[in-house]
PDB file of N, CA and C in Angstrom:
ATOM      1  N   CYS A   1     -39.056  26.043  15.787  1.00  0.00           N
ATOM      2  CA  CYS A   1     -37.969  25.605  14.752  1.00  0.00           C
ATOM      3  C   CYS A   1     -38.092  23.592  15.052  1.00  0.00           C
ATOM      4  N   THR A   2     -37.158  23.626  14.502  1.00  0.00           N
ATOM      5  CA  THR A   2     -36.722  21.280  14.179  1.00  0.00           C
ATOM      6  C   THR A   2     -35.166  21.613  13.975  1.00  0.00           C
ATOM      7  N   ASP A   3     -34.545  20.305  14.508  1.00  0.00           N
ATOM      8  CA  ASP A   3     -33.214  20.323  14.057  1.00  0.00           C
ATOM      9  C   ASP A   3     -32.726  20.599  12.979  1.00  0.00           C
ATOM     10  N   THR A   4     -33.991  20.298  11.865  1.00  0.00           N
ATOM     11  CA  THR A   4     -33.781  20.324  10.582  1.00  0.00           C
ATOM     12  C   THR A   4     -33.165  21.958   9.163  1.00  0.00           C
ATOM     13  N   CYS A   5     -33.968  22.530  10.053  1.00  0.00           N
ATOM     14  CA  CYS A   5     -33.132  24.173   9.349  1.00  0.00           C
ATOM     15  C   CYS A   5     -31.746  24.301  10.112  1.00  0.00           C
ATOM     16  N   TYR A   6     -31.405  24.009   9.855  1.00  0.00           N
ATOM     17  CA  TYR A   6     -29.744  24.411   9.893  1.00  0.00           C
ATOM     18  C   TYR A   6     -29.312  27.072  10.073  1.00  0.00           C
ATOM     19  N   ALA A   7     -29.688  27.491   9.833  1.00  0.00           N
ATOM     20  CA  ALA A   7     -29.863  28.646   9.493  1.00  0.00           C
ATOM     21  C   ALA A   7     -31.350  29.607  11.361  1.00  0.00           C
ATOM     22  N   GLN A   8     -30.225  30.171  11.921  1.00  0.00           N
ATOM     23  CA  GLN A   8     -31.716  30.265  12.573  1.00  0.00           C
ATOM     24  C   GLN A   8     -32.026  31.793  12.117  1.00  0.00           C
ATOM     25  N   THR A   9     -32.570  32.323  10.556  1.00  0.00           N
ATOM     26  CA  THR A   9     -33.019  33.884   9.694  1.00  0.00           C
ATOM     27  C   THR A   9     -33.703  34.074   9.160  1.00  0.00           C
ATOM     28  N   SER A  10     -34.054  33.430   8.026  1.00  0.00           N
ATOM     29  CA  SER A  10     -35.856  33.371   7.576  1.00  0.00           C
ATOM     30  C   SER A  10     -35.781  31.937   7.650  1.00  0.00           C
ATOM     31  N   ALA A  11     -34.753  31.480   7.684  1.00  0.00           N
ATOM     32  CA  ALA A  11     -35.703  29.456   7.672  1.00  0.00           C
ATOM     33  C   ALA A  11     -36.584  29.352   8.354  1.00  0.00           C
ATOM     34  N   ASP A  12     -36.512  30.763   9.949  1.00  0.00           N
ATOM     35  CA  ASP A  12     -37.574  29.325  10.207  1.00  0.00           C
ATOM     36  C   ASP A  12     -39.053  30.775   9.875  1.00  0.00           C
ATOM     37  N   VAL A  13     -38.952  31.284   9.435  1.00  0.00           N
ATOM     38  CA  VAL A  13     -40.245  30.597   8.162  1.00  0.00           C
ATOM     39  C   VAL A  13     -40.426  30.698   7.698  1.00  0.00           C
ATOM     40  N   PHE A  14     -39.626  29.745   6.285  1.00  0.00           N
ATOM     41  CA  PHE A  14     -39.053  28.840   5.740  1.00  0.00           C
ATOM     42  C   PHE A  14     -39.863  27.684   6.589  1.00  0.00           C
ATOM     43  N   CYS A  15     -39.126  27.000   7.418  1.00  0.00           N
ATOM     44  CA  CYS A  15     -39.889  26.221   8.817  1.00  0.00           C
ATOM     45  C   CYS A  15     -41.100  25.901   9.083  1.00  0.00           C
ATOM     46  N   ASN A  16     -41.289  26.923   9.400  1.00  0.00           N
ATOM     47  CA  ASN A  16     -43.004  27.206   9.991  1.00  0.00           C
ATOM     48  C   ASN A  16     -43.756  26.259   9.064  1.00  0.00           C
ATOM     49  N   THR A  17     -43.513  27.631   7.533  1.00  0.00           N
ATOM     50  CA  THR A  17     -43.866  27.399   6.321  1.00  0.00           C
ATOM     51  C   THR A  17     -44.121  25.482   6.064  1.00  0.00           C
ATOM     52  N   VAL A  18     -43.278  24.831   6.276  1.00  0.00           N
ATOM     53  CA  VAL A  18     -42.921  23.708   5.897  1.00  0.00           C
ATOM     54  C   VAL A  18     -43.680  22.781   6.960  1.00  0.00           C
ATOM     55  N   HIS A  19     -43.869  23.269   8.051  1.00  0.00           N
ATOM     56  CA  HIS A  19     -44.070  22.427   9.214  1.00  0.00           C
ATOM     57  C   HIS A  19     -46.094  22.577   9.241  1.00  0.00           C
ATOM     58  N   ALA A  20     -46.238  22.950   8.217  1.00  0.00           N
ATOM     59  CA  ALA A  20     -47.820  23.878   8.128  1.00  0.00           C
ATOM     60  C   ALA A  20     -48.575  22.125   8.608  1.00  0.00           C
ATOM     61  N   THR A  21     -48.034  21.707   7.464  1.00  0.00           N
ATOM     62  CA  THR A  21     -49.295  19.503   7.592  1.00  0.00           C
ATOM     63  C   THR A  21     -47.491  18.851   7.383  1.00  0.00           C
ATOM     64  N   ARG A  22     -47.610  17.900   8.299  1.00  0.00           N
ATOM     65  CA  ARG A  22     -46.743  17.406   8.598  1.00  0.00           C
ATOM     66  C   ARG A  22     -46.170  15.771   7.099  1.00  0.00           C
ATOM     67  N   THR A  23     -47.854  16.477   5.887  1.00  0.00           N
ATOM     68  CA  THR A  23     -47.597  15.312   5.097  1.00  0.00           C
ATOM     69  C   THR A  23     -46.122  16.940   4.023  1.00  0.00           C
ATOM     70  N   ASP A  24     -47.088  17.897   4.057  1.00  0.00           N
ATOM     71  CA  ASP A  24     -45.761  18.324   2.931  1.00  0.00           C
ATOM     72  C   ASP A  24     -44.828  19.092   3.378  1.00  0.00           C
ATOM     73  N   TYR A  25     -44.212  18.795   4.747  1.00  0.00           N
ATOM     74  CA  TYR A  25     -42.840  18.560   5.724  1.00  0.00           C
ATOM     75  C   TYR A  25     -42.570  17.685   5.165  1.00  0.00           C
ATOM     76  N   LEU A  26     -42.857  16.039   5.172  1.00  0.00           N
ATOM     77  CA  LEU A  26     -42.434  15.048   4.824  1.00  0.00           C
ATOM     78  C   LEU A  26     -41.349  15.179   2.871  1.00  0.00           C
ATOM     79  N   ILE A  27     -42.467  15.820   2.171  1.00  0.00           N
ATOM     80  CA  ILE A  27     -42.684  16.452   0.490  1.00  0.00           C
ATOM     81  C   ILE A  27     -41.331  16.367   0.706  1.00  0.00           C
ATOM     82  N   ARG A  28     -41.749  17.994   1.283  1.00  0.00           N
ATOM     83  CA  ARG A  28     -40.649  18.582   1.013  1.00  0.00           C
ATOM     84  C   ARG A  28     -39.583  18.713   1.789  1.00  0.00           C
ATOM     85  N   ARG A  29     -38.951  17.619   2.890  1.00  0.00           N
ATOM     86  CA  ARG A  29     -37.828  17.941   3.313  1.00  0.00           C
ATOM     87  C   ARG A  29     -37.213  15.705   2.332  1.00  0.00           C
ATOM     88  N   PHE A  30     -38.447  15.382   1.911  1.00  0.00           N
ATOM     89  CA  PHE A  30     -37.654  14.390   0.309  1.00  0.00           C
ATOM     90  C   PHE A  30     -37.085  15.061  -0.361  1.00  0.00           C
ATOM     91  N   ILE A  31     -38.087  16.190  -1.025  1.00  0.00           N
ATOM     92  CA  ILE A  31     -36.812  16.469  -1.929  1.00  0.00           C
ATOM     93  C   ILE A  31     -35.890  17.323  -1.985  1.00  0.00           C
ATOM     94  N   PHE A  32     -36.546  17.773  -0.542  1.00  0.00           N
ATOM     95  CA  PHE A  32     -34.750  18.732  -0.709  1.00  0.00           C
ATOM     96  C   PHE A  32     -33.806  17.627  -0.048  1.00  0.00           C
ATOM     97  N   VAL A  33     -34.028  16.634   0.510  1.00  0.00           N
ATOM     98  CA  VAL A  33     -32.806  15.712   0.674  1.00  0.00           C
ATOM     99  C   VAL A  33     -31.876  14.803  -0.929  1.00  0.00           C
ATOM    100  N   LEU A  34     -32.795  14.995  -1.257  1.00  0.00           N
ATOM    101  CA  LEU A  34     -32.801  14.363  -2.516  1.00  0.00           C
ATOM    102  C   LEU A  34     -31.668  14.869  -3.560  1.00  0.00           C
ATOM    103  N   ILE A  35     -32.293  16.694  -2.969  1.00  0.00           N
ATOM    104  CA  ILE A  35     -31.505  17.654  -4.398  1.00  0.00           C
ATOM    105  C   ILE A  35     -30.948  18.082  -3.775  1.00  0.00           C
ATOM    106  N   ALA A  36     -30.329  17.435  -2.468  1.00  0.00           N
ATOM    107  CA  ALA A  36     -28.792  17.558  -1.724  1.00  0.00           C
ATOM    108  C   ALA A  36     -27.975  16.120  -2.393  1.00  0.00           C
ATOM    109  N   GLU A  37     -28.404  15.603  -2.378  1.00  0.00           N
ATOM    110  CA  GLU A  37     -28.118  14.099  -3.094  1.00  0.00           C
ATOM    111  C   GLU A  37     -27.480  13.903  -4.036  1.00  0.00           C
ATOM    112  N   VAL A  38     -28.515  15.117  -5.175  1.00  0.00           N
ATOM    113  CA  VAL A  38     -27.980  14.955  -6.453  1.00  0.00           C
ATOM    114  C   VAL A  38     -26.906  15.963  -6.138  1.00  0.00           C
ATOM    115  N   VAL A  39     -27.020  17.187  -5.926  1.00  0.00           N
ATOM    116  CA  VAL A  39     -26.237  18.105  -5.926  1.00  0.00           C
ATOM    117  C   VAL A  39     -24.934  17.577  -5.165  1.00  0.00           C
ATOM    118  N   GLY A  40     -24.323  16.872  -4.281  1.00  0.00           N
ATOM    119  CA  GLY A  40     -23.249  16.466  -3.450  1.00  0.00           C
ATOM    120  C   GLY A  40     -23.003  15.017  -4.796  1.00  0.00           C
ATOM    121  N   ALA A  41     -23.565  14.488  -5.691  1.00  0.00           N
ATOM    122  CA  ALA A  41     -23.051  13.425  -6.189  1.00  0.00           C
ATOM    123  C   ALA A  41     -22.305  14.216  -7.322  1.00  0.00           C
ATOM    124  N   VAL A  42     -22.964  15.009  -8.267  1.00  0.00           N
ATOM    125  CA  VAL A  42     -22.288  16.339  -8.530  1.00  0.00           C
ATOM    126  C   VAL A  42     -20.681  16.554  -8.535  1.00  0.00           C
ATOM    127  N   ALA A  43     -20.958  17.516  -7.498  1.00  0.00           N
ATOM    128  CA  ALA A  43     -20.082  18.272  -7.323  1.00  0.00           C
ATOM    129  C   ALA A  43     -18.699  17.336  -6.203  1.00  0.00           C
ATOM    130  N   ALA A  44     -18.311  15.586  -6.185  1.00  0.00           N
ATOM    131  CA  ALA A  44     -18.209  14.926  -6.097  1.00  0.00           C
ATOM    132  C   ALA A  44     -17.788  14.382  -7.575  1.00  0.00           C
ATOM    133  N   GLY A  45     -18.715  14.434  -8.159  1.00  0.00           N
ATOM    134  CA  GLY A  45     -18.084  13.797 -10.107  1.00  0.00           C
ATOM    135  C   GLY A  45     -17.064  15.163 -10.850  1.00  0.00           C
ATOM    136  N   GLU A  46     -17.429  16.388  -9.775  1.00  0.00           N
ATOM    137  CA  GLU A  46     -16.719  17.416 -10.913  1.00  0.00           C
ATOM    138  C   GLU A  46     -15.569  17.262  -9.602  1.00  0.00           C
ATOM    139  N   GLU A  47     -15.245  16.906  -9.131  1.00  0.00           N
ATOM    140  CA  GLU A  47     -13.861  16.663  -8.363  1.00  0.00           C
ATOM    141  C   GLU A  47     -12.869  15.975  -9.176  1.00  0.00           C
ATOM    142  N   ASP A  48     -13.569  14.203  -9.388  1.00  0.00           N
ATOM    143  CA  ASP A  48     -13.228  12.860 -10.247  1.00  0.00           C
ATOM    144  C   ASP A  48     -12.212  13.741 -10.978  1.00  0.00           C
ATOM    145  N   ASN A  49     -13.737  14.487 -12.201  1.00  0.00           N
ATOM    146  CA  ASN A  49     -12.575  15.048 -12.919  1.00  0.00           C
ATOM    147  C   ASN A  49     -12.122  15.691 -13.650  1.00  0.00           C
ATOM    148  N   ARG A  50     -11.669  16.054 -12.055  1.00  0.00           N
ATOM    149  CA  ARG A  50     -10.169  17.579 -12.142  1.00  0.00           C
ATOM    150  C   ARG A  50      -8.881  16.207 -11.523  1.00  0.00           C
ATOM    151  N   HIS A  51      -9.057  15.502 -11.369  1.00  0.00           N
ATOM    152  CA  HIS A  51      -8.160  15.239 -10.217  1.00  0.00           C
ATOM    153  C   HIS A  51      -7.697  13.982 -11.581  1.00  0.00           C
ATOM    154  N   SER A  52      -8.692  13.234 -12.338  1.00  0.00           N
ATOM    155  CA  SER A  52      -8.344  12.379 -13.430  1.00  0.00           C
ATOM    156  C   SER A  52      -7.719  13.459 -14.391  1.00  0.00           C
ATOM    157  N   VAL A  53      -7.641  14.135 -14.428  1.00  0.00           N
ATOM    158  CA  VAL A  53      -7.255  15.060 -15.984  1.00  0.00           C
ATOM    159  C   VAL A  53      -5.289  14.970 -15.684  1.00  0.00           C
TER     160      VAL A  53
END
């Protein structure tokens, strides 16, 4: 697996599956990063809302 995986457990299986094809890997990584960005933004927004109240 590569450094793109954070956990060395069942994530290795996921990594191997993702790395089946390079294009598929890039697409999944893009989606993963996109979701991470959205979740991070929402979490940051929740923090701001709590502090502003």
